[in-house]
Amino acid sequence: MGKYYVTTAIPYASKKPHIGNTHDALLTDAVARYRKLRGDDVYFLTGADEHGIKVQREAEKAGVTPQQYVDGVTAEMRSIWDLCMVGYDDFIRTTEERHKSIVKKMFKKLYDQGDIYKGAYEGWYCVPDEAFYTDSQVVKTETGNVCPDCGRPVERLKEETYFFRLSAYADRLAAHIEAHPEFIQPESRRNEIVNGYIKPGLQDFSVSRTTFTWGIPVEFDPEHVMYVWVDALSNYITALGYDPDGNHGGLFQKYWPCDVHFIGKDVLRFHTLYWPGMLMALGVPLPRSVYAHPWWMMGGGRLSKTSGNVLYASDLVEKYGIDCVRYYCLREMPVSRDGNITPELLVSRCNTDLANDLGNLASRSITMAEKYFQGEVFPAEKPENEVLTLCENSKERYAVAMDTLSLQQALTEAMGPVARANRFIDETAPWILAKEPEKAEALKHVLYTLLETLRCASVTLYPVMPRAMGKLRLQLGLPGVPVWEEAPPQGFSVRRGDNLFPRITEEL
C-alpha cells in the first residue's frame, strides 16, 4: 500500500461555485476513491481561495465585510461538495491562521534570499482572472482591450510591487519538464507550456498588490498584501503543516510531494511555472503531476460566474440525482478539448447508459433470480463465457485508464460488459430456459453471468457513483463498499431494492 496525495484547485470564493468548479472536485474525488479501492493511503485536499480584489468588491456591494462575505460563499461551497459526495480529508481556507502564518514566513524567506524583490509594474489587469497582461498579450477590440483568456475587459494598472524571480529558475524548470513528461498532463497542455512560455523565455511575476487591502499583509512592508500566486498556491503545503524553518508537520512529511494537482486549464501556467518555481526556491520537491482538464461549455460559451452563463451542481442534483450528475461530468469531459453540458445532454446520456443499460440489467437480472431461484443463484461449477472474459479484460483496461487519469476511457471500459450482458439476455432467453426443468443448470449459469457482470460493474463504477453502486452491491448480497481484489463469489443471494436509475421523463 502506497501513499497518494491529491488536490483540487481551490475555487475562488467570489460567488457560488458552478458546475465547472464542481467538476474539479468530482474528478479529484473519483481518482481518490479509485486509489483507496486499490489499497493506497490517500489524502485528499480541497478548499477555498478567499482573498483578492474581487472578494473585496463583492463584499462592498453586499454591504458586509470581506470575511463575512467569504464565510457565506465558502459555507455554500462546502454544502455543494457534501451534496455531491466529495469525500475530502481536509478543506483549507486561505483566511485561516494556519495558512496565513506559514505564507508570511514563506514570503519573508524568499525575500531574504533574494528570490523576491521590489519593483514596479504597469500592465493590463483582468479582475475576474486576477492576472496581468502586456500590451502584446491583450486582445484589442473596437470597444477596448480584453483578456486573452476569458475575453472580458481589462484595466490599465500601474503600481509598486514585489516580484518573484522566476527567470532565475527557467533552466531548471525547462529541464524538469523535459525529464518528467508526466509532470504536465495531458500532452497538449505540456506542449502549450513549453512552446508558449518556456521557449520564449520566462519573466518574473508580481507577488504583491497595493491597490486593495483584502489579503495577507507583507509584514515588513504593510502597504503591500500578498498576491494570489503566493497566497492561494501555497495551500497545497500549508494544509499539510509545511514550515519554511524545517519544522514540518507529520502530514507534510508523510504525503508530500503531491501525486496530482487537478486544475482547470485556465490556471495551467500558474501551477506548472509559478508554483514549481517557488518550490524550487524554497528547496521543496515538486509535485509529481499537474493535470489540467478542459472547460465545460454551455450554449457555445464558457461557464462563467461573472457572465452569468452558469449551471449549478446543486440544481442539477436536486433535479436529476447525484449519480446522474457525477456520471455525466466524468463520462463526457474529453481529455484535450472542451466539453458540452446542458440538461438535455445530461438526461440523454443518463437515460441511455444508466437507466436503459445498467439499471435495466440490474432490474431484469435480480428479478429473474428471485423468480426462478428465490434469489439464490449457485451454479454447480463456475461458468466461463465471452461475457465473463470481457468483464476481466475490461477491468484491466479500466485500471490502465484510471492510472493514466483517462476517466472518460475508464468509464467506457466499465460500461462495455454491461452492454454486452444486456445482449446476452436476448441471446440466451432465460425465460425460455425456465420453462424446461432439465435446463435449470444452464439457467443458473446465465443468471450467474448477469449477476457477476453487475458485481464487476459495482467495483469499477464505485469511484464515480458510490451511492448507487453501494445500493447495487447490497441488492447482490455483497458488502456495500468493494475492494479491488474481490474474488468472484461462488454464488449470489440477491434481493430486489429500489430502482437504481429511474428513467428521466420530465419535460426539459
Protein backbone atom coordinates (compact mmCIF):
# COMPACT_ATOMS: atom_id res chain seq x y z
CA MET A 1 0.00 0.00 0.00
CA GLY A 2 1.44 3.36 -1.06
CA LYS A 3 0.60 6.91 -0.13
CA TYR A 4 -1.33 9.09 -2.55
CA TYR A 5 -1.86 12.85 -2.14
CA VAL A 6 -4.33 14.52 -4.49
CA THR A 7 -5.73 18.06 -4.59
CA THR A 8 -8.25 20.24 -6.35
CA ALA A 9 -7.52 23.77 -7.44
CA ILE A 10 -9.18 25.76 -4.65
CA PRO A 11 -12.12 27.71 -6.16
CA TYR A 12 -12.28 31.45 -5.74
CA ALA A 13 -14.84 32.43 -3.10
CA SER A 14 -16.28 35.38 -5.02
CA LYS A 15 -19.57 33.67 -5.88
CA LYS A 16 -21.36 30.33 -5.56
CA PRO A 17 -19.36 27.65 -7.45
CA HIS A 18 -20.89 26.50 -10.75
CA ILE A 19 -20.75 23.01 -12.26
CA GLY A 20 -17.36 23.77 -13.84
CA ASN A 21 -15.86 24.42 -10.40
CA THR A 22 -17.63 21.37 -9.03
CA HIS A 23 -16.27 19.19 -11.85
CA ASP A 24 -12.76 19.70 -10.50
CA ALA A 25 -13.86 18.32 -7.12
CA LEU A 26 -15.76 15.40 -8.69
CA LEU A 27 -12.77 14.42 -10.82
CA THR A 28 -10.43 14.54 -7.84
CA ASP A 29 -12.88 12.62 -5.68
CA ALA A 30 -13.27 9.83 -8.24
CA VAL A 31 -9.49 9.39 -8.50
CA ALA A 32 -9.13 9.46 -4.70
CA ARG A 33 -11.82 6.77 -4.35
CA TYR A 34 -10.14 4.66 -7.02
CA ARG A 35 -6.77 4.87 -5.28
CA LYS A 36 -8.41 3.86 -1.99
CA LEU A 37 -10.04 0.97 -3.83
CA ARG A 38 -6.57 -0.13 -4.95
CA GLY A 39 -5.38 -0.04 -1.33
CA ASP A 40 -3.47 3.25 -1.26
CA ASP A 41 -3.29 5.52 1.79
CA VAL A 42 -5.00 8.55 0.23
CA TYR A 43 -5.08 12.16 1.40
CA PHE A 44 -7.48 14.43 -0.50
CA LEU A 45 -7.29 18.22 -0.08
CA THR A 46 -9.67 20.86 -1.33
CA GLY A 47 -10.52 24.35 -0.11
CA ALA A 48 -11.33 27.96 -0.93
CA ASP A 49 -9.25 30.89 -2.20
CA GLU A 50 -10.69 33.76 -0.13
CA HIS A 51 -8.55 36.87 -0.71
CA GLY A 52 -8.31 39.37 -3.55
CA ILE A 53 -9.90 42.38 -5.15
CA LYS A 54 -12.95 40.51 -6.48
CA VAL A 55 -13.95 39.42 -2.99
CA GLN A 56 -13.36 42.94 -1.66
CA ARG A 57 -15.59 44.46 -4.36
CA GLU A 58 -18.33 41.84 -3.93
CA ALA A 59 -18.34 42.41 -0.17
CA GLU A 60 -18.64 46.15 -0.66
CA LYS A 61 -21.62 45.64 -2.98
CA ALA A 62 -23.25 43.33 -0.42
CA GLY A 63 -22.63 45.77 2.43
CA VAL A 64 -20.66 43.27 4.54
CA THR A 65 -17.02 42.78 5.49
CA PRO A 66 -14.87 40.60 3.21
CA GLN A 67 -14.60 38.00 5.95
CA GLN A 68 -18.37 37.85 6.36
CA TYR A 69 -18.73 37.58 2.61
CA VAL A 70 -16.32 34.64 2.17
CA ASP A 71 -17.78 32.91 5.23
CA GLY A 72 -21.08 32.76 3.37
CA VAL A 73 -19.69 31.71 -0.02
CA THR A 74 -17.39 29.08 1.44
CA ALA A 75 -20.19 27.60 3.54
CA GLU A 76 -22.22 27.28 0.35
CA MET A 77 -19.25 25.70 -1.43
CA ARG A 78 -18.82 23.10 1.30
CA SER A 79 -22.51 22.26 1.26
CA ILE A 80 -22.32 21.64 -2.52
CA TRP A 81 -19.22 19.47 -2.10
CA ASP A 82 -21.03 17.45 0.57
CA LEU A 83 -24.17 17.18 -1.58
CA CYS A 84 -22.00 15.83 -4.42
CA MET A 85 -20.34 13.28 -2.13
CA VAL A 86 -16.89 14.86 -2.42
CA GLY A 87 -15.04 12.90 0.25
CA TYR A 88 -12.19 15.27 1.07
CA ASP A 89 -9.89 14.77 4.06
CA ASP A 90 -9.26 18.48 4.62
CA PHE A 91 -10.76 21.77 3.48
CA ILE A 92 -8.26 24.63 3.64
CA ARG A 93 -9.37 28.27 3.71
CA THR A 94 -6.76 30.89 2.87
CA THR A 95 -8.15 33.15 5.62
CA GLU A 96 -7.26 30.57 8.28
CA GLU A 97 -4.39 31.38 10.60
CA ARG A 98 -2.71 28.03 9.91
CA HIS A 99 -2.37 29.15 6.29
CA LYS A 100 -1.62 32.85 6.76
CA SER A 101 1.14 32.36 9.33
CA ILE A 102 3.08 29.98 7.08
CA VAL A 103 2.64 32.11 3.94
CA LYS A 104 4.09 35.12 5.77
CA LYS A 105 7.17 33.08 6.67
CA MET A 106 7.47 31.79 3.11
CA PHE A 107 7.33 35.30 1.65
CA LYS A 108 9.95 36.56 4.11
CA LYS A 109 12.28 33.65 3.40
CA LEU A 110 12.04 34.18 -0.35
CA TYR A 111 12.68 37.90 0.12
CA ASP A 112 15.67 37.37 2.43
CA GLN A 113 17.36 35.02 -0.04
CA GLY A 114 16.81 37.37 -2.99
CA ASP A 115 14.08 35.42 -4.81
CA ILE A 116 11.56 38.21 -4.14
CA TYR A 117 12.49 41.81 -4.90
CA LYS A 118 10.75 45.17 -5.05
CA GLY A 119 9.94 46.92 -8.33
CA ALA A 120 7.10 48.50 -10.26
CA TYR A 121 4.58 47.01 -12.67
CA GLU A 122 2.44 48.51 -15.38
CA GLY A 123 0.10 46.43 -17.48
CA TRP A 124 -3.41 45.32 -18.30
CA TYR A 125 -5.19 43.64 -15.40
CA CYS A 126 -8.09 41.18 -15.65
CA VAL A 127 -10.04 41.35 -12.40
CA PRO A 128 -12.02 38.08 -12.83
CA ASP A 129 -8.85 36.07 -13.62
CA GLU A 130 -6.59 38.10 -11.32
CA ALA A 131 -3.89 38.21 -13.97
CA PHE A 132 -1.71 40.89 -15.59
CA TYR A 133 -1.07 41.02 -19.35
CA THR A 134 1.29 43.02 -21.53
CA ASP A 135 0.27 45.20 -24.49
CA SER A 136 1.11 42.37 -26.86
CA GLN A 137 -0.89 39.79 -24.90
CA VAL A 138 -4.25 41.56 -24.62
CA VAL A 139 -6.80 41.25 -27.41
CA LYS A 140 -7.69 44.58 -28.98
CA THR A 141 -11.36 45.12 -29.87
CA GLU A 142 -13.46 48.07 -31.04
CA THR A 143 -14.69 48.65 -27.50
CA GLY A 144 -11.30 48.28 -25.82
CA ASN A 145 -8.75 45.71 -24.75
CA VAL A 146 -9.94 42.37 -23.39
CA CYS A 147 -8.37 39.44 -21.56
CA PRO A 148 -6.80 36.84 -23.90
CA ASP A 149 -8.06 34.00 -21.66
CA CYS A 150 -11.63 34.93 -20.72
CA GLY A 151 -12.47 37.74 -23.21
CA ARG A 152 -13.57 40.21 -20.54
CA PRO A 153 -12.42 43.86 -20.32
CA VAL A 154 -9.06 44.57 -18.72
CA GLU A 155 -7.98 47.60 -16.68
CA ARG A 156 -4.75 49.56 -17.05
CA LEU A 157 -2.88 49.47 -13.75
CA LYS A 158 0.47 50.78 -12.59
CA GLU A 159 1.72 50.05 -9.12
CA GLU A 160 4.71 49.33 -6.94
CA THR A 161 5.00 45.61 -6.42
CA TYR A 162 7.20 42.79 -5.28
CA PHE A 163 8.31 40.31 -7.93
CA PHE A 164 9.30 36.67 -7.73
CA ARG A 165 12.49 35.98 -9.69
CA LEU A 166 11.09 33.20 -11.90
CA SER A 167 13.69 33.89 -14.59
CA ALA A 168 16.37 32.53 -12.24
CA TYR A 169 14.70 29.11 -12.36
CA ALA A 170 13.90 28.98 -16.07
CA ASP A 171 16.60 26.48 -16.98
CA ARG A 172 15.80 24.17 -14.08
CA LEU A 173 12.09 24.26 -14.90
CA ALA A 174 12.74 23.52 -18.57
CA ALA A 175 14.99 20.60 -17.66
CA HIS A 176 12.45 19.21 -15.21
CA ILE A 177 9.59 19.36 -17.72
CA GLU A 178 11.73 17.65 -20.35
CA ALA A 179 12.92 14.93 -17.96
CA HIS A 180 9.47 14.29 -16.47
CA PRO A 181 6.86 14.24 -19.26
CA GLU A 182 4.25 13.15 -16.71
CA PHE A 183 4.70 16.44 -14.83
CA ILE A 184 2.22 18.30 -17.08
CA GLN A 185 -0.78 16.32 -18.34
CA PRO A 186 -2.26 15.84 -20.84
CA GLU A 187 0.45 16.17 -23.50
CA SER A 188 -1.35 19.03 -25.26
CA ARG A 189 -1.03 21.15 -22.10
CA ARG A 190 2.66 20.34 -21.78
CA ASN A 191 3.20 21.50 -25.36
CA GLU A 192 1.31 24.68 -24.55
CA ILE A 193 3.63 25.49 -21.65
CA VAL A 194 6.83 24.58 -23.49
CA ASN A 195 6.03 26.42 -26.70
CA GLY A 196 4.13 29.35 -25.21
CA TYR A 197 6.24 30.12 -22.14
CA ILE A 198 9.45 28.10 -21.78
CA LYS A 199 10.86 28.70 -25.26
CA PRO A 200 10.06 32.45 -25.44
CA GLY A 201 11.68 32.91 -22.00
CA LEU A 202 10.17 33.12 -18.53
CA GLN A 203 9.53 36.52 -16.98
CA ASP A 204 9.49 37.42 -13.30
CA PHE A 205 5.95 37.83 -11.95
CA SER A 206 4.23 40.09 -9.45
CA VAL A 207 3.51 38.66 -5.99
CA SER A 208 2.05 41.67 -4.13
CA ARG A 209 -0.55 44.40 -4.57
CA THR A 210 -1.17 47.88 -3.17
CA THR A 211 -4.48 48.59 -4.95
CA PHE A 212 -6.57 46.59 -2.45
CA THR A 213 -6.28 45.57 1.19
CA TRP A 214 -8.10 42.23 1.44
CA GLY A 215 -5.14 39.89 1.57
CA ILE A 216 -2.28 38.66 3.74
CA PRO A 217 -0.09 41.69 4.54
CA VAL A 218 3.63 41.72 3.81
CA GLU A 219 4.82 42.11 7.38
CA PHE A 220 7.96 44.10 6.57
CA ASP A 221 6.09 46.39 4.13
CA PRO A 222 2.43 46.61 5.26
CA GLU A 223 1.29 48.77 2.33
CA HIS A 224 1.51 45.57 0.29
CA VAL A 225 -0.67 42.47 0.51
CA MET A 226 0.47 39.16 -0.93
CA TYR A 227 -0.98 38.23 -4.26
CA VAL A 228 -2.84 35.07 -5.14
CA TRP A 229 0.15 33.25 -6.65
CA VAL A 230 1.99 33.16 -3.33
CA ASP A 231 -1.11 33.11 -1.15
CA ALA A 232 -3.52 30.62 -2.75
CA LEU A 233 -0.99 28.31 -4.43
CA SER A 234 0.72 27.66 -1.12
CA ASN A 235 -2.39 25.95 0.28
CA TYR A 236 -1.15 22.61 -1.03
CA ILE A 237 1.65 22.58 1.54
CA THR A 238 0.33 24.84 4.32
CA ALA A 239 -2.58 22.42 4.81
CA LEU A 240 -0.06 19.64 5.46
CA GLY A 241 1.89 21.61 8.04
CA TYR A 242 4.85 22.73 5.91
CA ASP A 243 7.20 25.09 7.77
CA PRO A 244 9.86 27.19 5.96
CA ASP A 245 12.09 26.74 9.04
CA GLY A 246 12.05 22.97 8.57
CA ASN A 247 9.77 22.06 11.47
CA HIS A 248 7.28 20.30 9.21
CA GLY A 249 4.14 18.63 10.45
CA GLY A 250 3.60 14.89 10.14
CA LEU A 251 1.22 15.16 7.19
CA PHE A 252 3.78 17.06 5.13
CA GLN A 253 6.48 14.53 5.94
CA LYS A 254 4.16 11.67 5.03
CA TYR A 255 2.34 12.88 1.92
CA TRP A 256 4.48 15.45 0.10
CA PRO A 257 5.27 15.54 -2.79
CA CYS A 258 1.75 15.65 -4.17
CA ASP A 259 0.87 12.94 -6.66
CA VAL A 260 -1.61 15.01 -8.69
CA HIS A 261 -2.86 18.59 -8.66
CA PHE A 262 -6.15 18.60 -10.61
CA ILE A 263 -6.77 22.05 -12.10
CA GLY A 264 -8.67 23.79 -14.87
CA LYS A 265 -6.71 24.73 -17.97
CA ASP A 266 -7.11 28.46 -17.21
CA VAL A 267 -4.64 28.24 -14.28
CA LEU A 268 -2.16 25.99 -16.07
CA ARG A 269 0.84 28.31 -16.23
CA PHE A 270 0.50 29.32 -12.58
CA HIS A 271 0.61 25.68 -11.44
CA THR A 272 3.31 24.49 -13.84
CA LEU A 273 5.65 27.51 -13.80
CA TYR A 274 4.94 29.89 -10.90
CA TRP A 275 4.25 27.22 -8.27
CA PRO A 276 7.19 24.91 -9.10
CA GLY A 277 9.47 27.94 -9.39
CA MET A 278 8.60 28.97 -5.83
CA LEU A 279 9.01 25.40 -4.60
CA MET A 280 12.45 25.22 -6.18
CA ALA A 281 13.37 28.45 -4.41
CA LEU A 282 12.18 27.02 -1.11
CA GLY A 283 14.01 23.73 -1.65
CA VAL A 284 10.77 21.74 -1.66
CA PRO A 285 10.31 18.76 -4.04
CA LEU A 286 7.92 19.42 -6.94
CA PRO A 287 4.54 17.72 -7.29
CA ARG A 288 4.70 14.63 -9.46
CA SER A 289 1.94 15.69 -11.83
CA VAL A 290 -0.36 18.59 -12.70
CA TYR A 291 -3.43 17.52 -14.66
CA ALA A 292 -5.25 20.37 -16.45
CA HIS A 293 -8.75 19.48 -17.60
CA PRO A 294 -10.74 21.45 -20.20
CA TRP A 295 -13.74 23.69 -19.56
CA TRP A 296 -17.43 22.96 -19.68
CA MET A 297 -19.20 24.92 -22.40
CA MET A 298 -22.90 25.74 -22.46
CA GLY A 299 -24.68 27.37 -25.35
CA GLY A 300 -21.38 27.88 -27.16
CA GLY A 301 -19.81 29.84 -24.29
CA ARG A 302 -17.61 29.07 -21.32
CA LEU A 303 -19.33 28.62 -17.97
CA SER A 304 -18.66 31.79 -16.02
CA LYS A 305 -19.90 33.20 -12.71
CA THR A 306 -19.07 36.70 -13.91
CA SER A 307 -21.01 36.49 -17.19
CA GLY A 308 -23.91 34.58 -15.66
CA ASN A 309 -23.61 31.68 -18.12
CA VAL A 310 -23.86 29.02 -15.42
CA LEU A 311 -25.31 25.73 -14.27
CA TYR A 312 -25.12 24.85 -10.60
CA ALA A 313 -24.43 21.34 -9.36
CA SER A 314 -26.93 21.77 -6.54
CA ASP A 315 -29.75 22.46 -9.02
CA LEU A 316 -28.77 19.54 -11.24
CA VAL A 317 -28.51 17.13 -8.30
CA GLU A 318 -31.90 18.20 -6.96
CA LYS A 319 -33.49 17.59 -10.36
CA TYR A 320 -31.64 14.53 -11.69
CA GLY A 321 -29.89 12.93 -8.72
CA ILE A 322 -26.27 12.77 -7.62
CA ASP A 323 -25.42 9.60 -9.55
CA CYS A 324 -26.54 11.07 -12.85
CA VAL A 325 -24.59 14.31 -12.30
CA ARG A 326 -21.38 12.58 -11.22
CA TYR A 327 -21.57 10.09 -14.09
CA TYR A 328 -22.24 12.68 -16.78
CA CYS A 329 -19.48 15.02 -15.66
CA LEU A 330 -16.85 12.28 -15.62
CA ARG A 331 -18.12 10.40 -18.68
CA GLU A 332 -18.46 13.38 -21.00
CA MET A 333 -15.46 15.61 -20.30
CA PRO A 334 -12.87 15.00 -23.09
CA VAL A 335 -9.15 15.00 -22.39
CA SER A 336 -7.95 17.76 -24.68
CA ARG A 337 -10.99 19.72 -25.83
CA ASP A 338 -13.82 21.47 -24.03
CA GLY A 339 -16.94 19.51 -23.14
CA ASN A 340 -20.58 20.48 -23.55
CA ILE A 341 -23.12 20.35 -20.75
CA THR A 342 -26.83 21.08 -20.93
CA PRO A 343 -29.77 19.48 -19.13
CA GLU A 344 -30.79 17.86 -22.42
CA LEU A 345 -27.38 16.22 -22.93
CA LEU A 346 -27.23 15.11 -19.31
CA VAL A 347 -30.67 13.47 -19.45
CA SER A 348 -29.91 11.74 -22.75
CA ARG A 349 -26.63 10.23 -21.52
CA CYS A 350 -28.04 9.13 -18.17
CA ASN A 351 -31.16 7.59 -19.68
CA THR A 352 -29.06 5.68 -22.21
CA ASP A 353 -26.22 4.44 -20.01
CA LEU A 354 -27.75 4.31 -16.56
CA ALA A 355 -31.49 3.73 -16.95
CA ASN A 356 -31.55 1.68 -20.17
CA ASP A 357 -28.30 -0.28 -19.76
CA LEU A 358 -27.12 -0.57 -16.16
CA GLY A 359 -30.42 -0.09 -14.37
CA ASN A 360 -32.28 -2.35 -16.76
CA LEU A 361 -29.65 -5.08 -16.42
CA ALA A 362 -29.84 -4.95 -12.63
CA SER A 363 -33.64 -4.97 -12.55
CA ARG A 364 -34.06 -7.83 -15.01
CA SER A 365 -31.28 -9.99 -13.57
CA ILE A 366 -32.28 -9.70 -9.92
CA THR A 367 -35.98 -10.12 -10.75
CA MET A 368 -35.28 -13.35 -12.67
CA ALA A 369 -33.00 -14.65 -9.90
CA GLU A 370 -35.81 -14.17 -7.39
CA LYS A 371 -38.49 -15.55 -9.70
CA TYR A 372 -36.66 -18.69 -10.78
CA PHE A 373 -34.43 -19.49 -7.78
CA GLN A 374 -35.84 -17.49 -4.83
CA GLY A 375 -32.82 -15.18 -5.10
CA GLU A 376 -30.24 -17.96 -4.58
CA VAL A 377 -28.01 -18.47 -7.64
CA PHE A 378 -25.26 -21.06 -7.01
CA PRO A 379 -24.22 -22.85 -10.21
CA ALA A 380 -22.70 -26.31 -9.89
CA GLU A 381 -19.49 -25.04 -11.46
CA LYS A 382 -18.23 -21.60 -12.35
CA PRO A 383 -19.41 -20.73 -15.85
CA GLU A 384 -16.97 -19.45 -18.44
CA ASN A 385 -18.17 -17.46 -21.39
CA GLU A 386 -17.47 -14.40 -23.51
CA VAL A 387 -19.25 -12.04 -21.12
CA LEU A 388 -17.21 -13.03 -18.07
CA THR A 389 -13.97 -12.88 -20.06
CA LEU A 390 -14.93 -9.38 -21.16
CA CYS A 391 -15.51 -8.41 -17.52
CA GLU A 392 -11.98 -9.50 -16.58
CA ASN A 393 -10.32 -7.83 -19.54
CA SER A 394 -12.32 -4.63 -19.21
CA LYS A 395 -11.35 -4.33 -15.56
CA GLU A 396 -7.67 -4.49 -16.54
CA ARG A 397 -8.13 -1.84 -19.23
CA TYR A 398 -10.16 0.27 -16.81
CA ALA A 399 -7.26 0.21 -14.35
CA VAL A 400 -4.81 1.35 -17.03
CA ALA A 401 -7.12 4.22 -17.95
CA MET A 402 -7.61 5.30 -14.33
CA ASP A 403 -3.88 5.06 -13.61
CA THR A 404 -3.28 7.47 -16.51
CA LEU A 405 -6.15 9.75 -15.39
CA SER A 406 -8.22 8.99 -18.51
CA LEU A 407 -11.58 8.82 -16.75
CA GLN A 408 -13.66 9.09 -19.91
CA GLN A 409 -11.93 5.98 -21.30
CA ALA A 410 -12.17 4.22 -17.94
CA LEU A 411 -15.95 4.65 -17.88
CA THR A 412 -16.19 3.40 -21.46
CA GLU A 413 -14.39 0.25 -20.33
CA ALA A 414 -16.57 -0.12 -17.23
CA MET A 415 -19.80 0.09 -19.23
CA GLY A 416 -18.70 -2.29 -22.02
CA PRO A 417 -19.59 -5.53 -20.18
CA VAL A 418 -22.94 -4.04 -19.12
CA ALA A 419 -23.98 -3.51 -22.74
CA ARG A 420 -22.73 -6.98 -23.65
CA ALA A 421 -24.65 -8.59 -20.78
CA ASN A 422 -27.89 -6.99 -21.95
CA ARG A 423 -27.36 -8.59 -25.36
CA PHE A 424 -26.52 -11.87 -23.61
CA ILE A 425 -30.01 -11.89 -22.08
CA ASP A 426 -31.57 -11.69 -25.53
CA GLU A 427 -29.23 -14.38 -26.88
CA THR A 428 -29.87 -16.90 -24.10
CA ALA A 429 -33.58 -16.12 -23.46
CA PRO A 430 -33.62 -17.22 -19.79
CA TRP A 431 -37.43 -17.02 -19.70
CA ILE A 432 -37.48 -19.88 -22.23
CA LEU A 433 -34.86 -21.89 -20.33
CA ALA A 434 -37.01 -21.53 -17.21
CA LYS A 435 -39.83 -23.46 -18.89
CA GLU A 436 -37.68 -26.61 -19.26
CA PRO A 437 -36.67 -28.20 -15.91
CA GLU A 438 -33.78 -30.09 -17.49
CA LYS A 439 -32.16 -26.74 -18.36
CA ALA A 440 -32.14 -25.46 -14.78
CA GLU A 441 -28.33 -25.62 -14.57
CA ALA A 442 -27.96 -23.69 -17.85
CA LEU A 443 -30.37 -21.10 -16.46
CA LYS A 444 -28.28 -20.77 -13.30
CA HIS A 445 -25.17 -20.22 -15.43
CA VAL A 446 -26.91 -17.47 -17.38
CA LEU A 447 -28.12 -15.68 -14.25
CA TYR A 448 -24.74 -16.08 -12.55
CA THR A 449 -23.11 -14.45 -15.58
CA LEU A 450 -25.50 -11.49 -15.38
CA LEU A 451 -25.06 -11.05 -11.64
CA GLU A 452 -21.28 -11.37 -11.89
CA THR A 453 -21.28 -8.68 -14.60
CA LEU A 454 -23.19 -6.44 -12.20
CA ARG A 455 -20.71 -7.21 -9.44
CA CYS A 456 -17.79 -6.23 -11.68
CA ALA A 457 -19.56 -3.02 -12.65
CA SER A 458 -20.19 -2.25 -8.98
CA VAL A 459 -16.41 -2.27 -8.44
CA THR A 460 -15.29 -0.23 -11.44
CA LEU A 461 -18.15 2.27 -11.22
CA TYR A 462 -17.92 2.72 -7.46
CA PRO A 463 -15.43 5.65 -7.59
CA VAL A 464 -17.82 7.57 -9.85
CA MET A 465 -21.18 6.55 -8.33
CA PRO A 466 -20.52 5.38 -4.75
CA ARG A 467 -24.15 5.85 -3.66
CA ALA A 468 -25.76 3.84 -6.46
CA MET A 469 -23.07 1.16 -6.55
CA GLY A 470 -23.33 0.72 -2.79
CA LYS A 471 -27.04 0.11 -3.20
CA LEU A 472 -26.46 -2.29 -6.09
CA ARG A 473 -23.98 -4.31 -4.07
CA LEU A 474 -26.45 -4.67 -1.21
CA GLN A 475 -29.02 -5.97 -3.69
CA LEU A 476 -26.41 -8.51 -4.83
CA GLY A 477 -25.84 -9.61 -1.23
CA LEU A 478 -22.35 -8.08 -1.11
CA PRO A 479 -20.70 -5.57 1.28
CA GLY A 480 -21.63 -2.02 0.31
CA VAL A 481 -18.01 -0.93 -0.24
CA PRO A 482 -15.94 -3.07 -2.64
CA VAL A 483 -12.28 -3.98 -2.62
CA TRP A 484 -10.27 -4.18 -5.81
CA GLU A 485 -9.05 -7.76 -5.41
CA GLU A 486 -12.53 -9.01 -4.55
CA ALA A 487 -12.82 -12.61 -5.71
CA PRO A 488 -15.86 -13.61 -7.77
CA PRO A 489 -18.30 -15.29 -5.35
CA GLN A 490 -19.34 -18.92 -5.70
CA GLY A 491 -22.88 -17.67 -5.97
CA PHE A 492 -25.26 -14.83 -5.18
CA SER A 493 -28.05 -14.33 -2.69
CA VAL A 494 -29.93 -11.36 -4.10
CA ARG A 495 -32.88 -9.26 -3.09
CA ARG A 496 -34.61 -6.55 -5.03
CA GLY A 497 -34.47 -2.96 -3.88
CA ASP A 498 -35.46 0.39 -5.27
CA ASN A 499 -34.91 1.09 -8.94
CA LEU A 500 -31.32 2.33 -9.11
CA PHE A 501 -31.76 4.61 -12.12
CA PRO A 502 -35.36 5.63 -12.86
CA ARG A 503 -35.74 6.88 -16.38
CA ILE A 504 -35.95 10.68 -16.56
CA THR A 505 -39.15 11.52 -18.45
CA GLU A 506 -39.95 15.08 -17.36
CA GLU A 507 -40.17 17.92 -19.84
CA LEU A 508 -36.94 19.89 -20.19
